N, C-alpha and C. Protein backbone atom coordinates (compact mmCIF):
# COMPACT_ATOMS: atom_id res chain seq x y z
N UNK A 1 -15.44 13.03 16.46
CA UNK A 1 -15.72 12.92 15.16
C UNK A 1 -15.47 11.84 15.43
N UNK A 2 -16.33 10.82 14.48
CA UNK A 2 -16.22 9.76 14.00
C UNK A 2 -15.65 9.78 12.45
N UNK A 3 -15.24 7.83 12.26
CA UNK A 3 -14.64 7.77 11.06
C UNK A 3 -15.40 8.09 10.12
N UNK A 4 -15.05 8.15 8.90
CA UNK A 4 -15.57 8.50 7.39
C UNK A 4 -15.93 6.93 7.23
N UNK A 5 -17.06 6.64 6.70
CA UNK A 5 -17.93 5.68 6.11
C UNK A 5 -16.59 4.79 5.44
N UNK A 6 -16.63 3.81 5.11
CA UNK A 6 -15.83 2.57 4.47
C UNK A 6 -15.80 2.74 3.34
N UNK A 7 -14.51 2.87 1.94
CA UNK A 7 -14.57 3.01 0.72
C UNK A 7 -15.48 2.00 0.29
N UNK A 8 -15.81 2.72 -1.03
CA UNK A 8 -16.72 1.87 -1.77
C UNK A 8 -16.03 1.40 -3.20
N UNK A 9 -15.35 0.23 -3.16
CA UNK A 9 -14.73 -0.47 -3.99
C UNK A 9 -15.49 0.29 -5.61
N UNK A 10 -13.81 0.68 -6.28
CA UNK A 10 -14.31 1.34 -7.67
C UNK A 10 -14.29 -0.29 -8.74
N UNK A 11 -14.34 -1.63 -8.04
CA UNK A 11 -14.49 -2.51 -8.68
C UNK A 11 -15.73 -3.20 -8.45
N UNK A 12 -16.87 -2.60 -7.99
CA UNK A 12 -18.37 -3.16 -7.61
C UNK A 12 -18.73 -3.68 -8.56
N UNK A 13 -19.01 -3.06 -10.23
CA UNK A 13 -19.49 -3.79 -11.17
C UNK A 13 -19.14 -5.31 -11.37
N UNK A 14 -17.64 -5.35 -11.34
CA UNK A 14 -16.97 -6.81 -11.31
C UNK A 14 -17.60 -7.64 -10.61
N UNK A 15 -18.05 -7.74 -9.56
CA UNK A 15 -18.64 -8.41 -8.73
C UNK A 15 -19.45 -7.50 -7.73
N UNK A 16 -20.93 -7.24 -7.79
CA UNK A 16 -21.47 -6.12 -7.10
C UNK A 16 -21.72 -6.89 -5.34
N UNK A 17 -21.52 -8.17 -4.77
CA UNK A 17 -21.73 -8.46 -3.64
C UNK A 17 -20.49 -9.60 -3.51
N UNK A 18 -19.91 -9.12 -2.54
CA UNK A 18 -18.67 -10.42 -2.06
C UNK A 18 -17.51 -9.95 -2.44
N UNK A 19 -16.52 -10.49 -2.39
CA UNK A 19 -15.28 -10.09 -2.39
C UNK A 19 -15.02 -10.32 -3.57
N UNK A 20 -13.99 -9.21 -4.74
CA UNK A 20 -13.61 -9.36 -6.00
C UNK A 20 -12.34 -10.13 -5.81
N UNK A 21 -11.94 -10.55 -6.85
CA UNK A 21 -10.64 -11.86 -6.64
C UNK A 21 -10.89 -12.63 -8.20
N UNK A 22 -9.59 -13.20 -8.57
CA UNK A 22 -9.22 -13.64 -9.82
C UNK A 22 -8.81 -15.18 -9.17
N UNK A 23 -8.47 -16.01 -9.94
CA UNK A 23 -7.25 -16.95 -9.18
C UNK A 23 -6.94 -17.88 -10.74
N UNK A 24 -6.00 -17.67 -10.79
CA UNK A 24 -4.84 -18.24 -11.58
C UNK A 24 -4.29 -19.33 -11.24
N UNK A 25 -3.58 -19.72 -12.00
CA UNK A 25 -2.83 -20.89 -12.07
C UNK A 25 -1.55 -20.55 -10.84
N UNK A 26 -1.79 -20.98 -9.88
CA UNK A 26 -0.38 -20.55 -8.35
C UNK A 26 -0.41 -18.92 -8.35
N UNK A 27 -1.15 -18.48 -8.23
CA UNK A 27 -1.72 -17.12 -7.80
C UNK A 27 -3.38 -16.73 -7.92
N UNK A 28 -2.93 -15.99 -6.62
CA UNK A 28 -4.65 -15.62 -6.79
C UNK A 28 -4.75 -13.91 -6.53
N UNK A 29 -5.51 -12.99 -6.68
CA UNK A 29 -5.70 -11.70 -6.71
C UNK A 29 -6.93 -11.25 -5.86
N UNK A 30 -6.61 -10.11 -5.12
CA UNK A 30 -8.50 -10.16 -4.38
C UNK A 30 -8.18 -8.26 -4.34
N UNK A 31 -9.24 -7.64 -4.16
CA UNK A 31 -9.29 -6.19 -3.89
C UNK A 31 -9.08 -6.13 -2.30
N UNK A 32 -8.70 -5.24 -2.06
CA UNK A 32 -8.77 -4.74 -0.33
C UNK A 32 -9.20 -3.08 -0.77
N UNK A 33 -10.35 -2.81 -0.95
CA UNK A 33 -10.56 -1.15 -0.98
C UNK A 33 -10.60 -0.31 0.50
N UNK A 34 -11.02 -1.21 1.29
CA UNK A 34 -10.99 -0.63 2.65
C UNK A 34 -9.87 -0.08 3.41
N UNK A 35 -8.39 -0.55 2.97
CA UNK A 35 -7.70 -0.15 3.62
C UNK A 35 -7.22 1.12 3.98
N UNK A 36 -7.00 1.89 4.98
CA UNK A 36 -6.57 3.41 5.39
C UNK A 36 -5.64 3.36 4.62
N UNK A 37 -5.37 4.76 4.48
CA UNK A 37 -4.18 5.33 4.04
C UNK A 37 -3.84 6.56 3.94
N UNK A 38 -2.79 7.04 4.90
CA UNK A 38 -2.50 8.78 5.10
C UNK A 38 -1.12 9.17 4.50
N UNK A 39 -1.29 10.14 3.88
CA UNK A 39 -0.35 10.45 3.24
C UNK A 39 0.41 11.83 4.26
N UNK A 40 1.60 11.42 4.57
CA UNK A 40 2.27 12.33 5.81
C UNK A 40 3.68 12.90 4.78
N UNK A 41 4.05 14.29 5.24
CA UNK A 41 4.93 14.63 4.74
C UNK A 41 5.60 15.58 5.76
N UNK A 42 6.70 15.22 5.70
CA UNK A 42 7.36 16.13 7.09
C UNK A 42 9.02 15.97 6.65
N UNK A 43 10.15 16.91 7.51
CA UNK A 43 11.44 16.74 7.39
C UNK A 43 11.63 15.71 8.32
N UNK A 44 12.66 14.72 7.53
CA UNK A 44 13.32 13.33 7.78
C UNK A 44 14.06 13.74 8.67
N UNK A 45 15.02 15.05 8.25
CA UNK A 45 16.13 15.14 9.34
C UNK A 45 16.28 15.93 10.57
N UNK A 46 14.56 16.03 10.94
CA UNK A 46 14.40 16.83 11.81
C UNK A 46 14.39 15.77 13.06
N UNK A 47 15.07 15.56 13.90
CA UNK A 47 14.34 14.60 15.30
C UNK A 47 13.34 14.84 15.77
N UNK A 48 12.91 16.60 16.21
CA UNK A 48 11.58 16.64 16.90
C UNK A 48 10.35 15.42 16.05
N UNK A 49 10.35 16.08 14.74
CA UNK A 49 9.27 15.49 13.37
C UNK A 49 9.26 13.99 13.69
N UNK A 50 10.68 12.82 13.79
CA UNK A 50 10.41 12.02 14.07
C UNK A 50 9.77 11.40 15.16
N UNK A 51 10.53 11.66 15.78
CA UNK A 51 9.92 11.76 17.45
C UNK A 51 8.59 12.18 18.09
N UNK A 52 7.86 13.25 17.10
CA UNK A 52 6.65 13.14 17.26
C UNK A 52 5.52 12.14 16.69
N UNK A 53 6.24 12.05 15.20
CA UNK A 53 5.44 10.46 14.78
C UNK A 53 5.56 8.86 15.40
N UNK A 54 6.74 9.23 16.08
CA UNK A 54 7.14 8.09 16.74
C UNK A 54 5.86 8.23 18.30
N UNK A 55 5.75 8.93 18.63
CA UNK A 55 5.30 9.40 20.19
C UNK A 55 3.78 8.92 19.56
N UNK A 56 3.51 9.59 18.24
CA UNK A 56 1.60 9.30 18.09
C UNK A 56 1.38 7.98 17.28
N UNK A 57 2.19 7.34 17.00
CA UNK A 57 1.85 6.09 16.54
C UNK A 57 2.68 5.17 16.84
N UNK A 58 3.75 5.31 17.70
CA UNK A 58 4.31 4.32 18.35
C UNK A 58 5.44 3.49 16.92
N UNK A 59 5.68 4.55 16.00
CA UNK A 59 6.19 3.84 14.71
C UNK A 59 7.38 4.46 14.30
N UNK A 60 8.72 3.90 13.99
CA UNK A 60 9.65 4.91 13.37
C UNK A 60 9.43 4.90 11.87
N UNK A 61 9.28 6.12 11.43
CA UNK A 61 9.33 5.78 10.11
C UNK A 61 10.71 5.48 8.90
N UNK A 62 10.58 4.65 8.11
CA UNK A 62 11.54 3.93 7.49
C UNK A 62 12.55 5.73 6.88
N UNK A 63 13.14 5.24 6.56
CA UNK A 63 14.47 6.56 6.00
C UNK A 63 15.04 5.78 5.07
N UNK A 64 15.58 4.89 4.64
CA UNK A 64 16.05 4.10 3.74
C UNK A 64 15.03 4.26 2.28
N UNK A 65 15.52 4.03 1.47
CA UNK A 65 14.67 4.29 0.34
C UNK A 65 13.94 3.01 -0.20
N UNK A 66 12.72 3.40 -0.69
CA UNK A 66 12.25 2.23 -1.14
C UNK A 66 11.80 0.87 0.15
N UNK A 67 11.74 1.07 1.42
CA UNK A 67 11.75 0.32 2.15
C UNK A 67 10.23 1.13 3.06
N UNK A 68 9.60 0.17 3.71
CA UNK A 68 8.77 0.15 4.89
C UNK A 68 8.79 -0.41 6.27
N UNK A 69 8.52 -0.19 7.06
CA UNK A 69 8.47 0.07 8.47
C UNK A 69 6.78 -0.37 9.31
N UNK A 70 6.99 -0.99 10.07
CA UNK A 70 5.50 -2.06 10.66
C UNK A 70 5.70 -1.82 12.24
N UNK A 71 4.50 -0.89 12.85
CA UNK A 71 4.23 -1.55 14.14
C UNK A 71 2.94 -1.51 14.41
N UNK A 72 2.29 -3.34 14.17
CA UNK A 72 0.89 -3.28 13.92
C UNK A 72 0.23 -2.19 14.76
N UNK A 73 -1.46 -1.73 14.20
CA UNK A 73 -1.70 -1.98 12.62
C UNK A 73 -1.85 -0.95 11.72
N UNK A 74 -0.36 -0.35 11.70
CA UNK A 74 0.30 0.88 11.07
C UNK A 74 1.70 0.24 10.23
N UNK A 75 1.62 0.72 9.13
CA UNK A 75 2.28 0.50 8.55
C UNK A 75 2.82 1.61 8.09
N UNK A 76 4.41 2.16 7.12
CA UNK A 76 4.85 2.82 7.08
C UNK A 76 5.58 3.31 5.62
N UNK A 77 5.11 3.23 4.41
CA UNK A 77 6.14 2.93 3.52
C UNK A 77 6.70 4.54 2.62
N UNK A 78 7.73 4.45 2.36
CA UNK A 78 9.02 5.23 1.73
C UNK A 78 8.55 5.74 0.53
N UNK A 79 8.28 7.00 0.36
CA UNK A 79 7.76 7.29 -1.03
C UNK A 79 8.62 8.25 -1.67
N UNK A 80 9.43 8.77 -0.55
CA UNK A 80 10.52 9.95 -1.00
C UNK A 80 11.07 10.16 0.10
N UNK A 81 12.28 11.22 0.28
CA UNK A 81 12.73 11.38 1.60
C UNK A 81 12.30 12.52 2.37
N UNK A 82 10.72 13.07 1.75
CA UNK A 82 10.02 13.33 3.17
C UNK A 82 8.67 13.31 2.90
N UNK A 83 8.38 12.11 2.17
CA UNK A 83 7.25 11.50 2.05
C UNK A 83 6.60 10.11 2.82
N UNK A 84 6.05 9.94 3.12
CA UNK A 84 5.45 8.14 3.40
C UNK A 84 3.86 8.08 3.47
N UNK A 85 3.70 7.22 3.03
CA UNK A 85 1.98 6.61 3.05
C UNK A 85 1.83 5.69 4.39
N UNK A 86 0.75 5.92 5.19
CA UNK A 86 0.68 5.21 6.28
C UNK A 86 -0.18 4.64 5.63
N UNK A 87 -0.32 2.81 5.96
CA UNK A 87 -1.64 2.23 5.77
C UNK A 87 -1.70 1.81 6.79
N UNK A 88 -3.31 2.04 7.02
CA UNK A 88 -3.78 1.58 8.59
C UNK A 88 -5.28 0.62 8.55
N UNK A 89 -5.14 -0.59 9.67
CA UNK A 89 -6.42 -0.76 9.26
C UNK A 89 -7.97 -0.18 8.56
N UNK A 90 -8.79 -0.87 7.95
CA UNK A 90 -10.47 -0.49 7.62
C UNK A 90 -10.88 0.49 8.38
N UNK A 91 -11.16 1.89 8.65
CA UNK A 91 -11.77 2.65 9.21
C UNK A 91 -11.11 3.39 10.10
N UNK A 92 -9.84 3.29 10.25
CA UNK A 92 -8.90 3.62 11.24
C UNK A 92 -8.15 5.00 10.69
N UNK A 93 -8.45 5.37 9.51
CA UNK A 93 -7.68 6.03 8.87
C UNK A 93 -7.85 7.87 9.81
N UNK A 94 -8.91 8.22 10.02
CA UNK A 94 -9.53 9.35 10.69
C UNK A 94 -8.28 9.34 11.64
N UNK A 95 -8.35 8.25 12.79
CA UNK A 95 -7.97 8.50 14.20
C UNK A 95 -6.17 8.41 13.70
N UNK A 96 -5.56 7.75 12.89
CA UNK A 96 -4.38 7.64 12.16
C UNK A 96 -4.30 9.52 11.96
N UNK A 97 -4.64 9.87 11.25
CA UNK A 97 -4.56 11.61 10.91
C UNK A 97 -4.65 12.45 11.88
N UNK A 98 -6.17 12.39 12.64
CA UNK A 98 -6.06 12.74 13.85
C UNK A 98 -4.77 12.93 14.90
N UNK A 99 -4.70 12.00 15.60
CA UNK A 99 -3.24 11.63 16.21
C UNK A 99 -2.02 12.14 16.04
N UNK A 100 -1.71 11.91 14.58
CA UNK A 100 -0.51 12.76 13.92
C UNK A 100 -0.58 14.32 13.42
N UNK A 101 -1.33 14.63 13.30
CA UNK A 101 -1.84 16.61 13.45
C UNK A 101 -1.84 17.10 14.59
N UNK A 102 -2.61 15.98 15.52
CA UNK A 102 -1.87 16.94 17.01
C UNK A 102 -0.55 16.90 17.64
N UNK A 103 -0.13 15.62 17.21
CA UNK A 103 1.33 15.67 17.52
C UNK A 103 2.43 15.92 16.35
N UNK A 104 1.89 16.86 15.38
CA UNK A 104 3.20 17.49 14.64
C UNK A 104 2.64 18.48 14.70
N UNK A 105 1.60 19.80 15.15
CA UNK A 105 1.00 21.03 15.10
C UNK A 105 2.57 22.08 15.29
N UNK A 106 3.10 21.48 16.14
CA UNK A 106 4.52 22.59 16.10
C UNK A 106 5.60 22.37 14.73
N UNK A 107 5.27 21.18 14.60
CA UNK A 107 6.35 20.70 13.05
C UNK A 107 5.30 21.19 11.58
N UNK A 108 6.93 21.14 10.56
CA UNK A 108 6.60 21.36 9.28
C UNK A 108 6.16 20.34 8.80
N UNK A 109 5.13 20.13 8.37
CA UNK A 109 4.34 18.47 8.30
C UNK A 109 2.70 18.67 7.34
N UNK A 110 2.69 17.88 6.83
CA UNK A 110 1.39 17.76 6.01
C UNK A 110 0.76 16.28 6.22
N UNK A 111 -0.43 16.36 6.72
CA UNK A 111 -1.08 15.10 6.92
C UNK A 111 -2.48 15.02 6.12
N UNK A 112 -2.53 13.97 5.33
CA UNK A 112 -3.69 14.26 4.42
C UNK A 112 -4.75 12.79 4.45
N UNK A 113 -5.56 12.01 4.21
CA UNK A 113 -6.13 11.10 4.26
C UNK A 113 -6.30 11.05 2.57
N UNK A 114 -5.77 10.12 2.62
CA UNK A 114 -5.98 9.62 0.81
C UNK A 114 -6.71 8.43 0.65
N UNK A 115 -7.50 7.84 1.54
CA UNK A 115 -7.64 6.45 1.27
C UNK A 115 -8.58 6.43 0.10
N UNK A 116 -9.29 7.22 -0.36
CA UNK A 116 -10.60 6.93 -1.12
C UNK A 116 -9.44 7.51 -2.84
N UNK A 117 -8.25 7.55 -2.75
CA UNK A 117 -7.14 8.06 -4.12
C UNK A 117 -6.84 6.48 -4.52
N UNK A 118 -6.61 5.70 -4.08
CA UNK A 118 -6.08 4.22 -4.45
C UNK A 118 -6.97 3.06 -4.10
N UNK A 119 -6.97 1.63 -4.72
CA UNK A 119 -8.01 0.59 -4.29
C UNK A 119 -6.41 -0.26 -3.81
N UNK A 120 -6.50 -1.26 -3.55
CA UNK A 120 -5.44 -2.24 -3.24
C UNK A 120 -5.51 -3.40 -3.87
N UNK A 121 -5.16 -3.37 -4.46
CA UNK A 121 -4.97 -5.01 -5.66
C UNK A 121 -3.97 -6.35 -4.36
N UNK A 122 -4.40 -7.09 -4.11
CA UNK A 122 -3.26 -7.67 -3.33
C UNK A 122 -3.44 -9.21 -4.74
N UNK A 123 -1.97 -9.44 -4.76
CA UNK A 123 -1.13 -10.85 -5.53
C UNK A 123 -0.75 -11.59 -4.75
N UNK A 124 -1.20 -12.66 -4.47
CA UNK A 124 -0.53 -13.78 -3.52
C UNK A 124 -0.23 -15.24 -4.40
N UNK A 125 0.72 -15.47 -4.36
CA UNK A 125 1.26 -17.09 -4.88
C UNK A 125 2.47 -17.31 -5.23
N UNK A 126 2.97 -18.50 -5.73
CA UNK A 126 4.19 -18.64 -6.69
C UNK A 126 4.59 -17.98 -7.46
N UNK A 127 3.23 -17.89 -8.23
CA UNK A 127 3.52 -17.15 -9.41
C UNK A 127 3.04 -15.29 -9.57
N UNK A 128 3.35 -15.12 -8.11
CA UNK A 128 3.06 -13.76 -7.75
C UNK A 128 3.74 -12.72 -8.87
N UNK A 129 5.43 -13.42 -8.57
CA UNK A 129 6.44 -12.09 -9.43
C UNK A 129 6.39 -12.34 -11.05
N UNK A 130 6.06 -14.07 -11.46
CA UNK A 130 5.95 -14.27 -13.06
C UNK A 130 5.08 -12.82 -13.33
N UNK A 131 3.86 -13.43 -12.62
CA UNK A 131 2.38 -11.76 -12.82
C UNK A 131 2.99 -10.98 -13.00
N UNK A 132 3.52 -10.41 -12.45
CA UNK A 132 3.86 -8.69 -12.27
C UNK A 132 4.90 -8.81 -13.13
N UNK A 133 6.16 -9.66 -13.10
CA UNK A 133 6.75 -9.54 -14.51
C UNK A 133 6.65 -9.13 -15.93
N UNK A 134 5.22 -9.19 -15.77
CA UNK A 134 4.68 -9.21 -17.25
C UNK A 134 4.66 -7.94 -17.87
N UNK A 135 4.22 -7.37 -16.74
CA UNK A 135 4.21 -5.50 -16.90
C UNK A 135 4.87 -4.64 -16.16
N UNK A 136 5.84 -4.91 -15.99
CA UNK A 136 6.58 -4.74 -14.63
C UNK A 136 8.30 -4.20 -15.08
N UNK A 137 8.72 -3.14 -15.19
CA UNK A 137 10.11 -3.21 -15.61
C UNK A 137 10.80 -3.46 -14.73
N UNK A 138 10.18 -3.31 -13.08
CA UNK A 138 11.34 -3.75 -11.87
C UNK A 138 11.58 -5.41 -11.68
N UNK A 139 13.08 -5.61 -11.21
CA UNK A 139 13.28 -6.84 -10.94
C UNK A 139 13.03 -7.14 -10.06
N UNK A 140 12.45 -8.26 -10.23
CA UNK A 140 11.49 -8.57 -8.69
C UNK A 140 11.96 -9.82 -8.22
N UNK A 141 12.97 -10.32 -8.76
CA UNK A 141 13.64 -11.66 -8.18
C UNK A 141 14.06 -11.18 -6.72
N UNK A 142 13.82 -12.41 -5.84
CA UNK A 142 14.13 -11.65 -4.32
C UNK A 142 14.91 -11.07 -3.87
N UNK A 143 16.18 -11.35 -4.86
CA UNK A 143 17.48 -10.99 -4.51
C UNK A 143 17.13 -9.05 -4.65
N UNK A 144 16.48 -8.64 -5.46
CA UNK A 144 16.31 -7.70 -5.84
C UNK A 144 15.35 -6.55 -5.12
N UNK A 145 14.12 -7.66 -4.97
CA UNK A 145 12.99 -7.16 -4.19
C UNK A 145 12.45 -8.22 -3.41
N UNK A 146 12.42 -7.71 -2.28
CA UNK A 146 12.14 -8.60 -0.96
C UNK A 146 11.01 -8.10 0.29
N UNK A 147 10.85 -9.01 1.19
CA UNK A 147 9.91 -8.70 2.18
C UNK A 147 10.47 -7.44 2.42
N UNK A 148 9.00 -6.32 2.29
CA UNK A 148 9.33 -5.37 2.69
C UNK A 148 9.71 -3.94 2.09
N UNK A 149 10.09 -4.86 0.96
CA UNK A 149 10.13 -3.50 -0.01
C UNK A 149 9.42 -2.47 -0.55
N UNK A 150 9.48 -1.29 -1.42
CA UNK A 150 8.53 -0.68 -1.92
C UNK A 150 8.85 -0.18 -2.91
N UNK A 151 8.01 0.29 -3.79
CA UNK A 151 8.69 0.97 -5.24
C UNK A 151 7.03 1.29 -5.48
N UNK A 152 8.00 2.33 -6.37
CA UNK A 152 6.75 3.57 -7.41
C UNK A 152 6.99 2.92 -8.74
N UNK A 153 6.46 2.33 -9.11
CA UNK A 153 6.60 1.88 -10.57
C UNK A 153 5.26 1.98 -11.66
N UNK A 154 5.57 1.28 -13.20
CA UNK A 154 4.65 1.34 -13.83
C UNK A 154 4.65 -0.19 -13.87
N UNK A 155 2.84 -0.40 -13.70
CA UNK A 155 2.56 -2.00 -13.89
C UNK A 155 1.26 -1.98 -15.28
N UNK A 156 2.04 -2.74 -16.43
CA UNK A 156 1.08 -2.37 -17.34
C UNK A 156 0.41 -1.20 -17.90
N UNK A 157 1.72 0.10 -17.65
CA UNK A 157 1.31 1.38 -18.18
C UNK A 157 0.21 1.93 -16.97
N UNK A 158 0.14 1.61 -16.44
CA UNK A 158 -0.60 2.15 -14.62
C UNK A 158 0.30 2.38 -13.26
N UNK A 159 0.56 3.92 -13.16
CA UNK A 159 1.49 3.86 -12.31
C UNK A 159 1.17 3.60 -10.99
N UNK A 160 1.69 2.60 -10.06
CA UNK A 160 1.16 2.23 -8.77
C UNK A 160 2.46 1.98 -7.89
N UNK A 161 1.70 1.84 -6.53
CA UNK A 161 2.76 1.44 -5.32
C UNK A 161 3.33 0.24 -5.30
N UNK A 162 4.00 -0.13 -5.63
CA UNK A 162 4.02 -1.59 -5.28
C UNK A 162 4.73 -2.01 -3.88
N UNK A 163 4.13 -2.63 -2.82
CA UNK A 163 4.96 -2.83 -1.29
C UNK A 163 4.51 -4.71 -1.20
N UNK A 164 6.03 -5.18 -1.10
CA UNK A 164 6.13 -6.43 -0.88
C UNK A 164 5.49 -6.78 0.75
N UNK A 165 4.46 -7.29 0.85
CA UNK A 165 4.62 -7.61 2.50
C UNK A 165 4.19 -8.97 3.11
N UNK A 166 5.22 -10.31 2.73
CA UNK A 166 5.32 -11.44 2.61
C UNK A 166 6.19 -12.44 1.36
N UNK A 167 7.00 -13.07 2.35
CA UNK A 167 7.86 -13.64 1.15
C UNK A 167 8.14 -15.14 0.88
N UNK A 168 8.69 -15.38 0.43
CA UNK A 168 8.66 -16.99 -0.02
C UNK A 168 9.01 -18.14 0.56
N UNK A 169 8.95 -18.23 2.23
CA UNK A 169 8.97 -18.58 3.27
C UNK A 169 7.82 -18.99 3.84
N UNK A 170 6.70 -18.18 3.60
CA UNK A 170 5.23 -18.49 3.86
C UNK A 170 4.61 -19.11 2.61
N UNK A 171 3.67 -20.01 3.32
CA UNK A 171 3.04 -21.29 2.18
C UNK A 171 2.55 -20.71 0.99
N UNK A 172 1.48 -19.48 1.19
CA UNK A 172 1.42 -19.25 0.07
C UNK A 172 1.87 -18.42 -1.15
N UNK A 173 3.17 -19.00 -0.97
CA UNK A 173 4.09 -17.39 -1.44
C UNK A 173 4.38 -16.39 -1.25
N UNK A 174 5.22 -15.66 -2.22
CA UNK A 174 5.20 -14.23 -1.56
C UNK A 174 4.00 -13.11 -1.69
N UNK A 175 3.90 -12.13 -1.23
CA UNK A 175 1.99 -11.42 -1.20
C UNK A 175 2.88 -10.34 -1.43
N UNK A 176 2.35 -9.28 -2.29
CA UNK A 176 2.51 -8.03 -3.03
C UNK A 176 0.79 -7.22 -2.89
N UNK A 177 1.23 -6.03 -2.12
CA UNK A 177 0.12 -5.45 -2.81
C UNK A 177 0.53 -4.06 -3.48
N UNK A 178 -1.01 -3.53 -4.35
CA UNK A 178 -0.29 -3.10 -5.44
C UNK A 178 -1.53 -2.19 -5.48
N UNK A 179 -1.14 -0.56 -5.01
CA UNK A 179 -1.99 0.40 -4.69
C UNK A 179 -2.16 0.95 -5.84
N UNK A 180 -3.46 1.53 -6.80
CA UNK A 180 -3.64 1.76 -8.03
C UNK A 180 -4.45 2.66 -7.60
N UNK A 181 -4.38 3.66 -8.69
CA UNK A 181 -5.57 4.80 -8.41
C UNK A 181 -6.97 4.25 -8.95
N UNK A 182 -7.95 4.89 -8.11
CA UNK A 182 -9.05 4.19 -8.65
C UNK A 182 -9.29 4.42 -10.08
N UNK A 183 -9.11 5.69 -10.82
CA UNK A 183 -9.35 5.54 -12.04
C UNK A 183 -8.83 4.35 -12.71
N UNK A 184 -7.14 3.97 -12.32
CA UNK A 184 -7.22 3.04 -13.57
C UNK A 184 -7.29 1.46 -12.79
N UNK A 185 -7.95 1.46 -11.65
CA UNK A 185 -8.55 -0.10 -11.39
C UNK A 185 -9.09 -0.98 -12.18
N UNK A 186 -10.13 -0.11 -12.89
CA UNK A 186 -11.08 -1.62 -13.77
C UNK A 186 -10.01 -1.74 -14.65
N UNK A 187 -9.12 -0.97 -15.39
CA UNK A 187 -8.04 -1.07 -16.53
C UNK A 187 -7.14 -2.26 -16.30
N UNK A 188 -6.28 -1.95 -14.96
CA UNK A 188 -5.43 -2.95 -13.97
C UNK A 188 -5.92 -4.31 -13.82
N UNK A 189 -7.34 -4.41 -13.43
CA UNK A 189 -7.98 -6.15 -13.05
C UNK A 189 -8.29 -6.35 -14.20
N UNK A 190 -8.68 -5.78 -15.33
CA UNK A 190 -8.71 -6.74 -16.26
C UNK A 190 -7.59 -7.19 -17.45
N UNK A 191 -6.30 -6.40 -17.00
CA UNK A 191 -4.63 -6.70 -17.24
C UNK A 191 -4.85 -7.75 -16.08
N UNK A 192 -4.75 -7.50 -15.04
CA UNK A 192 -4.12 -8.96 -14.04
C UNK A 192 -5.27 -10.32 -14.39
N UNK A 193 -6.27 -10.15 -14.57
CA UNK A 193 -7.00 -11.21 -15.22
C UNK A 193 -6.64 -12.06 -16.64
N UNK A 194 -6.42 -11.32 -17.22
CA UNK A 194 -5.30 -11.91 -18.68
C UNK A 194 -4.40 -12.42 -18.58
N UNK A 195 -3.38 -11.40 -17.64
CA UNK A 195 -2.15 -12.10 -17.01
C UNK A 195 -2.06 -13.38 -16.33
N UNK A 196 -3.17 -13.65 -15.85
CA UNK A 196 -3.09 -15.28 -14.95
C UNK A 196 -3.88 -16.15 -15.70
N UNK A 197 -4.41 -16.13 -16.52
CA UNK A 197 -4.69 -17.05 -17.50
C UNK A 197 -3.87 -17.45 -18.56
């Protein structure tokens, strides 16, 4: 069974051809609609569940709240004590989901490909924190929210998942991935456009 077609951007109307991006002062925002996303639910206190995931993906699930773990090309974002979002390379989500389903066949678990439910807006640059702070109540100071941290939060009245994927030591500044429901992507894109000007 082959992988499904790559997701079509919900922001095609913004720039039908090529990459959709916003460039502001010391900040850049790029849409990455094709990133694979698989929702995993299971018993985090069950060693057999954790071992099955590790065997399938060579990845240890993060167990501490609001953290992530990574074994390229897959990252795991903690969403709840029994829920994670697995982020994978474009087009690989079917293979990731299939591997998990096979490994977890004897476990109380759920695996669902949710790649088409959200698009990813990546915000990069030394002004990334300031831009996010205009619409997010979280404390985004590096002491409070750092590389690898994850939060389900509101950004400009849109429910998002926020994941810091790079820190201040990188040349471009911090990088955050914003997972936004497709139905809110146009609204959030316009808000970000206004916020970077």
